[in-house]
């Protein structure tokens, strides 16, 4: 079986971009949204009404070139949806789905006329569709 890689592309694009693979220990989390009337009663018992759950990932990479940084930011920093090919622990398989990024940060290592190196880039990728 061929090695799989995390890939991204704008929703309108036809081809995938194999992005710089994240550093070790890429974080995974999920969040369930509940109806507003969900709460604990006076005995501490939760009375919840779940609506949906989404997956999210903590992407972090270090020592990126200017080209690598620009390539990723042009996909995720526009404030809209993009497609990502990723491994889902929930489904136990590689999948393609829609995600968005609300906030990210980077650290500039060195910039010069011909080169550049970014110390780090990190952001949370949040699923658009429920699992």
N, C-alpha and C. Protein backbone atom coordinates (compact mmCIF):
# COMPACT_ATOMS: atom_id res chain seq x y z
N UNK A 1 0.85 -1.19 0.00
CA UNK A 1 0.00 0.00 0.00
C UNK A 1 0.89 1.25 0.00
N UNK A 2 0.54 2.23 -0.79
CA UNK A 2 1.31 3.46 -0.91
C UNK A 2 1.17 4.31 0.35
N UNK A 3 2.22 5.04 0.68
CA UNK A 3 2.20 5.94 1.83
C UNK A 3 1.21 7.07 1.57
N UNK A 4 0.35 7.36 2.53
CA UNK A 4 -0.60 8.47 2.44
C UNK A 4 0.02 9.71 3.05
N UNK A 5 -0.39 10.88 2.57
CA UNK A 5 0.08 12.15 3.10
C UNK A 5 -1.10 13.10 3.28
N UNK A 6 -0.96 14.03 4.21
CA UNK A 6 -1.97 15.07 4.37
C UNK A 6 -1.86 15.99 3.16
N UNK A 7 -3.01 16.23 2.54
CA UNK A 7 -3.08 17.11 1.37
C UNK A 7 -4.20 18.10 1.59
N UNK A 8 -4.08 19.26 0.92
CA UNK A 8 -5.12 20.29 1.00
C UNK A 8 -5.35 20.88 -0.38
N UNK A 9 -6.53 21.47 -0.54
CA UNK A 9 -6.83 22.21 -1.76
C UNK A 9 -8.01 23.13 -1.51
N UNK A 10 -7.99 24.31 -2.15
CA UNK A 10 -9.18 25.17 -2.08
C UNK A 10 -10.36 24.42 -2.67
N UNK A 11 -11.56 24.73 -2.23
CA UNK A 11 -12.76 24.05 -2.71
C UNK A 11 -12.88 24.13 -4.22
N UNK A 12 -12.48 25.25 -4.81
CA UNK A 12 -12.61 25.44 -6.25
C UNK A 12 -11.49 24.80 -7.07
N UNK A 13 -10.46 24.29 -6.42
CA UNK A 13 -9.31 23.73 -7.15
C UNK A 13 -9.56 22.26 -7.51
N UNK A 14 -8.92 21.82 -8.58
CA UNK A 14 -9.08 20.43 -9.01
C UNK A 14 -7.92 19.55 -8.58
N UNK A 15 -6.78 20.17 -8.23
CA UNK A 15 -5.63 19.35 -7.86
C UNK A 15 -5.26 19.58 -6.39
N UNK A 16 -4.74 18.53 -5.77
CA UNK A 16 -4.33 18.56 -4.37
C UNK A 16 -2.91 19.09 -4.24
N UNK A 17 -2.61 19.68 -3.09
CA UNK A 17 -1.27 20.09 -2.73
C UNK A 17 -0.84 19.25 -1.54
N UNK A 18 0.24 18.48 -1.70
CA UNK A 18 0.81 17.76 -0.57
C UNK A 18 1.56 18.79 0.25
N UNK A 19 1.03 19.13 1.40
CA UNK A 19 1.64 20.17 2.23
C UNK A 19 2.80 19.58 3.04
N UNK A 20 3.57 20.47 3.64
CA UNK A 20 4.61 20.04 4.56
C UNK A 20 3.93 19.24 5.65
N UNK A 21 4.36 18.01 5.86
CA UNK A 21 3.73 17.17 6.86
C UNK A 21 4.03 17.73 8.25
N UNK A 22 3.07 17.62 9.16
CA UNK A 22 3.25 18.21 10.48
C UNK A 22 4.37 17.53 11.27
N UNK A 23 4.87 18.27 12.26
CA UNK A 23 5.82 17.69 13.19
C UNK A 23 5.14 16.54 13.94
N UNK A 24 5.91 15.82 14.71
CA UNK A 24 5.36 14.70 15.48
C UNK A 24 4.21 15.14 16.37
N UNK A 25 3.41 14.17 16.73
CA UNK A 25 2.34 14.37 17.71
C UNK A 25 1.30 15.41 17.30
N UNK A 26 0.78 15.28 16.09
CA UNK A 26 -0.29 16.17 15.66
C UNK A 26 -1.51 15.90 16.54
N UNK A 27 -2.01 16.95 17.15
CA UNK A 27 -3.13 16.81 18.08
C UNK A 27 -4.45 16.54 17.36
N UNK A 28 -5.30 15.79 18.02
CA UNK A 28 -6.65 15.50 17.51
C UNK A 28 -7.63 15.78 18.63
N UNK A 29 -8.72 16.42 18.29
CA UNK A 29 -9.76 16.63 19.29
C UNK A 29 -11.12 16.60 18.60
N UNK A 30 -12.13 16.51 19.39
CA UNK A 30 -13.48 16.57 18.88
C UNK A 30 -14.31 17.39 19.86
N UNK A 31 -15.33 18.01 19.33
CA UNK A 31 -16.19 18.84 20.17
C UNK A 31 -17.63 18.62 19.80
N UNK A 32 -18.44 18.39 20.82
CA UNK A 32 -19.86 18.20 20.63
C UNK A 32 -20.57 19.49 21.02
N UNK A 33 -21.47 19.94 20.19
CA UNK A 33 -22.29 21.11 20.48
C UNK A 33 -23.64 20.60 21.00
N UNK A 34 -24.09 21.23 22.07
CA UNK A 34 -25.34 20.83 22.71
C UNK A 34 -26.38 21.93 22.59
N UNK A 35 -27.64 21.52 22.70
CA UNK A 35 -28.70 22.52 22.70
C UNK A 35 -28.53 23.45 23.89
N UNK A 36 -29.01 24.65 23.75
CA UNK A 36 -28.85 25.67 24.78
C UNK A 36 -29.51 25.27 26.10
N UNK A 37 -30.55 24.46 26.04
CA UNK A 37 -31.25 24.09 27.28
C UNK A 37 -30.59 22.92 28.02
N UNK A 38 -29.43 22.43 27.54
CA UNK A 38 -28.70 21.38 28.24
C UNK A 38 -28.06 21.98 29.50
N UNK A 39 -28.17 21.26 30.60
CA UNK A 39 -27.62 21.77 31.86
C UNK A 39 -27.62 20.66 32.90
N UNK A 40 -26.97 20.93 34.01
CA UNK A 40 -26.99 20.00 35.14
C UNK A 40 -28.13 20.40 36.08
N UNK A 41 -28.78 19.37 36.61
CA UNK A 41 -29.84 19.68 37.57
C UNK A 41 -29.22 19.91 38.96
N UNK A 42 -30.06 20.14 39.95
CA UNK A 42 -29.56 20.45 41.30
C UNK A 42 -28.86 19.28 41.96
N UNK A 43 -29.02 18.07 41.42
CA UNK A 43 -28.36 16.89 41.97
C UNK A 43 -27.07 16.59 41.22
N UNK A 44 -26.70 17.44 40.25
CA UNK A 44 -25.45 17.28 39.51
C UNK A 44 -25.56 16.38 38.30
N UNK A 45 -26.73 15.88 37.99
CA UNK A 45 -26.92 14.99 36.84
C UNK A 45 -27.09 15.84 35.58
N UNK A 46 -26.35 15.48 34.53
CA UNK A 46 -26.41 16.23 33.27
C UNK A 46 -27.64 15.81 32.46
N UNK A 47 -28.38 16.80 32.01
CA UNK A 47 -29.49 16.58 31.09
C UNK A 47 -29.11 17.28 29.80
N UNK A 48 -28.55 16.49 28.86
CA UNK A 48 -28.00 17.09 27.65
C UNK A 48 -28.78 16.64 26.41
N UNK A 49 -28.74 17.51 25.42
CA UNK A 49 -29.30 17.19 24.12
C UNK A 49 -28.23 17.52 23.09
N UNK A 50 -27.45 16.49 22.69
CA UNK A 50 -26.38 16.74 21.72
C UNK A 50 -26.94 17.07 20.35
N UNK A 51 -26.26 17.99 19.66
CA UNK A 51 -26.66 18.36 18.31
C UNK A 51 -25.75 17.71 17.27
N UNK A 52 -24.44 17.89 17.43
CA UNK A 52 -23.48 17.32 16.48
C UNK A 52 -22.08 17.38 17.07
N UNK A 53 -21.16 16.60 16.49
CA UNK A 53 -19.77 16.57 16.90
C UNK A 53 -18.89 16.76 15.68
N UNK A 54 -17.85 17.57 15.80
CA UNK A 54 -16.89 17.78 14.71
C UNK A 54 -15.49 17.39 15.15
N UNK A 55 -14.66 16.99 14.18
CA UNK A 55 -13.26 16.67 14.41
C UNK A 55 -12.43 17.94 14.22
N UNK A 56 -11.30 18.01 14.92
CA UNK A 56 -10.35 19.08 14.66
C UNK A 56 -8.93 18.57 14.92
N UNK A 57 -7.97 19.22 14.27
CA UNK A 57 -6.57 18.83 14.36
C UNK A 57 -5.73 20.05 14.69
N UNK A 58 -4.68 19.84 15.45
CA UNK A 58 -3.71 20.90 15.75
C UNK A 58 -2.50 20.67 14.85
N UNK A 59 -2.40 21.47 13.80
CA UNK A 59 -1.28 21.35 12.87
C UNK A 59 -0.13 22.20 13.37
N UNK A 60 1.07 21.64 13.37
CA UNK A 60 2.26 22.39 13.74
C UNK A 60 3.43 21.85 12.93
N UNK A 61 4.16 22.75 12.29
CA UNK A 61 5.35 22.37 11.53
C UNK A 61 6.44 23.40 11.81
N UNK A 62 7.68 22.95 11.74
CA UNK A 62 8.79 23.86 12.00
C UNK A 62 9.77 23.86 10.84
N UNK A 63 10.59 24.91 10.80
CA UNK A 63 11.63 25.07 9.78
C UNK A 63 11.08 25.01 8.36
N UNK A 64 10.04 25.76 8.10
CA UNK A 64 9.44 25.83 6.77
C UNK A 64 10.14 26.89 5.92
N UNK A 65 10.23 26.62 4.63
CA UNK A 65 10.76 27.61 3.71
C UNK A 65 9.67 28.63 3.39
N UNK A 66 10.05 29.72 2.75
CA UNK A 66 9.08 30.73 2.35
C UNK A 66 8.04 30.11 1.42
N UNK A 67 8.47 29.28 0.48
CA UNK A 67 7.55 28.64 -0.47
C UNK A 67 6.57 27.72 0.25
N UNK A 68 7.05 26.93 1.21
CA UNK A 68 6.16 26.03 1.95
C UNK A 68 5.14 26.82 2.77
N UNK A 69 5.62 27.87 3.43
CA UNK A 69 4.74 28.69 4.26
C UNK A 69 3.66 29.35 3.40
N UNK A 70 4.06 29.93 2.30
CA UNK A 70 3.12 30.60 1.42
C UNK A 70 2.09 29.64 0.84
N UNK A 71 2.54 28.47 0.46
CA UNK A 71 1.64 27.45 -0.12
C UNK A 71 0.53 27.07 0.86
N UNK A 72 0.89 26.85 2.11
CA UNK A 72 -0.11 26.47 3.12
C UNK A 72 -1.03 27.65 3.44
N UNK A 73 -0.45 28.82 3.66
CA UNK A 73 -1.26 29.99 4.03
C UNK A 73 -2.25 30.37 2.94
N UNK A 74 -1.88 30.21 1.68
CA UNK A 74 -2.80 30.55 0.59
C UNK A 74 -4.02 29.63 0.56
N UNK A 75 -3.92 28.48 1.19
CA UNK A 75 -5.07 27.58 1.27
C UNK A 75 -5.89 27.85 2.53
N UNK A 76 -5.24 28.00 3.69
CA UNK A 76 -5.98 28.04 4.96
C UNK A 76 -6.29 29.43 5.50
N UNK A 77 -5.58 30.47 5.06
CA UNK A 77 -5.73 31.78 5.69
C UNK A 77 -6.74 32.69 5.01
N UNK A 78 -7.52 32.18 4.09
CA UNK A 78 -8.50 33.02 3.39
C UNK A 78 -9.81 33.14 4.16
N UNK A 79 -9.94 32.41 5.25
CA UNK A 79 -11.16 32.51 6.05
C UNK A 79 -12.32 31.71 5.50
N UNK A 80 -12.06 30.79 4.62
CA UNK A 80 -13.14 29.98 4.07
C UNK A 80 -12.85 28.50 4.19
N UNK A 81 -13.68 27.72 3.57
CA UNK A 81 -13.54 26.27 3.59
C UNK A 81 -12.48 25.81 2.60
N UNK A 82 -11.88 24.69 2.92
CA UNK A 82 -10.96 24.03 2.00
C UNK A 82 -11.10 22.53 2.22
N UNK A 83 -10.64 21.77 1.25
CA UNK A 83 -10.68 20.32 1.38
C UNK A 83 -9.36 19.82 1.93
N UNK A 84 -9.45 18.77 2.75
CA UNK A 84 -8.24 18.18 3.30
C UNK A 84 -8.35 16.66 3.21
N UNK A 85 -7.25 16.05 2.80
CA UNK A 85 -7.10 14.59 2.80
C UNK A 85 -6.32 14.28 4.08
N UNK A 86 -6.91 13.49 4.97
CA UNK A 86 -6.35 13.31 6.31
C UNK A 86 -6.72 11.94 6.86
N UNK A 87 -6.03 11.54 7.92
CA UNK A 87 -6.40 10.30 8.60
C UNK A 87 -7.33 10.65 9.75
N UNK A 88 -8.51 10.04 9.76
CA UNK A 88 -9.50 10.27 10.81
C UNK A 88 -9.45 9.14 11.83
N UNK A 89 -9.05 9.43 13.08
CA UNK A 89 -9.12 8.39 14.11
C UNK A 89 -10.55 7.90 14.33
N UNK A 90 -11.54 8.77 14.15
CA UNK A 90 -12.93 8.38 14.35
C UNK A 90 -13.35 7.30 13.37
N UNK A 91 -13.04 7.50 12.10
CA UNK A 91 -13.41 6.53 11.07
C UNK A 91 -12.35 5.45 10.88
N UNK A 92 -11.15 5.67 11.40
CA UNK A 92 -10.07 4.70 11.25
C UNK A 92 -9.61 4.55 9.82
N UNK A 93 -9.66 5.67 9.06
CA UNK A 93 -9.30 5.61 7.64
C UNK A 93 -8.90 6.99 7.14
N UNK A 94 -8.21 6.99 5.99
CA UNK A 94 -7.91 8.25 5.29
C UNK A 94 -9.18 8.71 4.60
N UNK A 95 -9.46 10.01 4.70
CA UNK A 95 -10.70 10.58 4.15
C UNK A 95 -10.42 11.94 3.51
N UNK A 96 -11.38 12.41 2.74
CA UNK A 96 -11.40 13.77 2.19
C UNK A 96 -12.62 14.45 2.79
N UNK A 97 -12.43 15.64 3.35
CA UNK A 97 -13.58 16.35 3.91
C UNK A 97 -13.28 17.85 3.93
N UNK A 98 -14.29 18.63 4.26
CA UNK A 98 -14.17 20.08 4.33
C UNK A 98 -13.75 20.53 5.73
N UNK A 99 -12.85 21.52 5.77
CA UNK A 99 -12.36 22.08 7.03
C UNK A 99 -12.24 23.59 6.89
N UNK A 100 -12.01 24.25 8.02
CA UNK A 100 -11.69 25.68 8.02
C UNK A 100 -10.69 25.95 9.13
N UNK A 101 -10.02 27.09 9.03
CA UNK A 101 -9.09 27.55 10.06
C UNK A 101 -9.55 28.93 10.49
N UNK A 102 -9.75 29.12 11.79
CA UNK A 102 -10.18 30.41 12.30
C UNK A 102 -9.03 31.28 12.76
N UNK A 103 -7.93 30.66 13.20
CA UNK A 103 -6.81 31.42 13.73
C UNK A 103 -5.54 30.58 13.65
N UNK A 104 -4.44 31.22 13.34
CA UNK A 104 -3.16 30.53 13.30
C UNK A 104 -2.06 31.49 13.69
N UNK A 105 -0.85 30.97 13.84
CA UNK A 105 0.27 31.83 14.16
C UNK A 105 1.54 31.25 13.55
N UNK A 106 2.52 32.13 13.33
CA UNK A 106 3.81 31.69 12.81
C UNK A 106 4.91 32.50 13.44
N UNK A 107 6.10 31.94 13.38
CA UNK A 107 7.28 32.60 13.94
C UNK A 107 8.33 32.69 12.84
N UNK A 108 8.74 33.91 12.52
CA UNK A 108 9.73 34.12 11.47
C UNK A 108 11.12 33.92 12.04
N UNK A 109 11.88 33.03 11.41
CA UNK A 109 13.25 32.76 11.87
C UNK A 109 14.23 33.74 11.25
N UNK A 110 14.30 33.72 9.91
CA UNK A 110 15.19 34.65 9.23
C UNK A 110 14.61 34.96 7.85
N UNK A 111 14.76 36.18 7.45
CA UNK A 111 14.37 36.60 6.11
C UNK A 111 15.55 37.34 5.50
N UNK A 112 15.87 37.02 4.28
CA UNK A 112 16.89 37.76 3.56
C UNK A 112 16.47 37.84 2.10
N UNK A 113 17.28 38.47 1.29
CA UNK A 113 16.94 38.75 -0.10
C UNK A 113 16.59 37.49 -0.89
N UNK A 114 17.34 36.41 -0.70
CA UNK A 114 17.16 35.22 -1.52
C UNK A 114 16.52 34.05 -0.80
N UNK A 115 16.46 34.09 0.48
CA UNK A 115 16.00 32.94 1.26
C UNK A 115 15.14 33.40 2.40
N UNK A 116 14.62 32.43 3.08
CA UNK A 116 13.88 32.70 4.29
C UNK A 116 13.61 31.39 4.99
N UNK A 117 13.42 31.48 6.27
CA UNK A 117 13.12 30.29 7.06
C UNK A 117 12.18 30.70 8.18
N UNK A 118 11.10 29.98 8.31
CA UNK A 118 10.14 30.24 9.37
C UNK A 118 10.34 29.20 10.47
N UNK A 119 10.47 29.66 11.69
CA UNK A 119 10.69 28.73 12.80
C UNK A 119 9.50 27.81 13.00
N UNK A 120 8.27 28.35 12.90
CA UNK A 120 7.11 27.51 13.15
C UNK A 120 5.84 28.10 12.55
N UNK A 121 4.91 27.21 12.30
CA UNK A 121 3.56 27.56 11.86
C UNK A 121 2.62 26.64 12.62
N UNK A 122 1.56 27.19 13.17
CA UNK A 122 0.57 26.35 13.85
C UNK A 122 -0.82 26.92 13.68
N UNK A 123 -1.79 26.02 13.59
CA UNK A 123 -3.19 26.41 13.51
C UNK A 123 -4.06 25.20 13.80
N UNK A 124 -5.31 25.46 14.15
CA UNK A 124 -6.29 24.40 14.35
C UNK A 124 -7.15 24.29 13.12
N UNK A 125 -7.27 23.08 12.62
CA UNK A 125 -8.10 22.78 11.47
C UNK A 125 -9.39 22.16 12.01
N UNK A 126 -10.53 22.80 11.74
CA UNK A 126 -11.80 22.37 12.31
C UNK A 126 -12.72 21.85 11.20
N UNK A 127 -13.33 20.70 11.43
CA UNK A 127 -14.22 20.10 10.45
C UNK A 127 -15.47 20.93 10.24
N UNK A 128 -15.93 20.99 9.01
CA UNK A 128 -17.17 21.69 8.66
C UNK A 128 -18.35 20.75 8.90
N UNK A 129 -18.22 19.51 8.50
CA UNK A 129 -19.30 18.54 8.59
C UNK A 129 -19.21 17.72 9.88
N UNK A 130 -20.35 17.35 10.44
CA UNK A 130 -20.32 16.52 11.65
C UNK A 130 -19.85 15.10 11.36
N UNK A 131 -19.30 14.45 12.40
CA UNK A 131 -18.91 13.05 12.25
C UNK A 131 -20.10 12.17 12.61
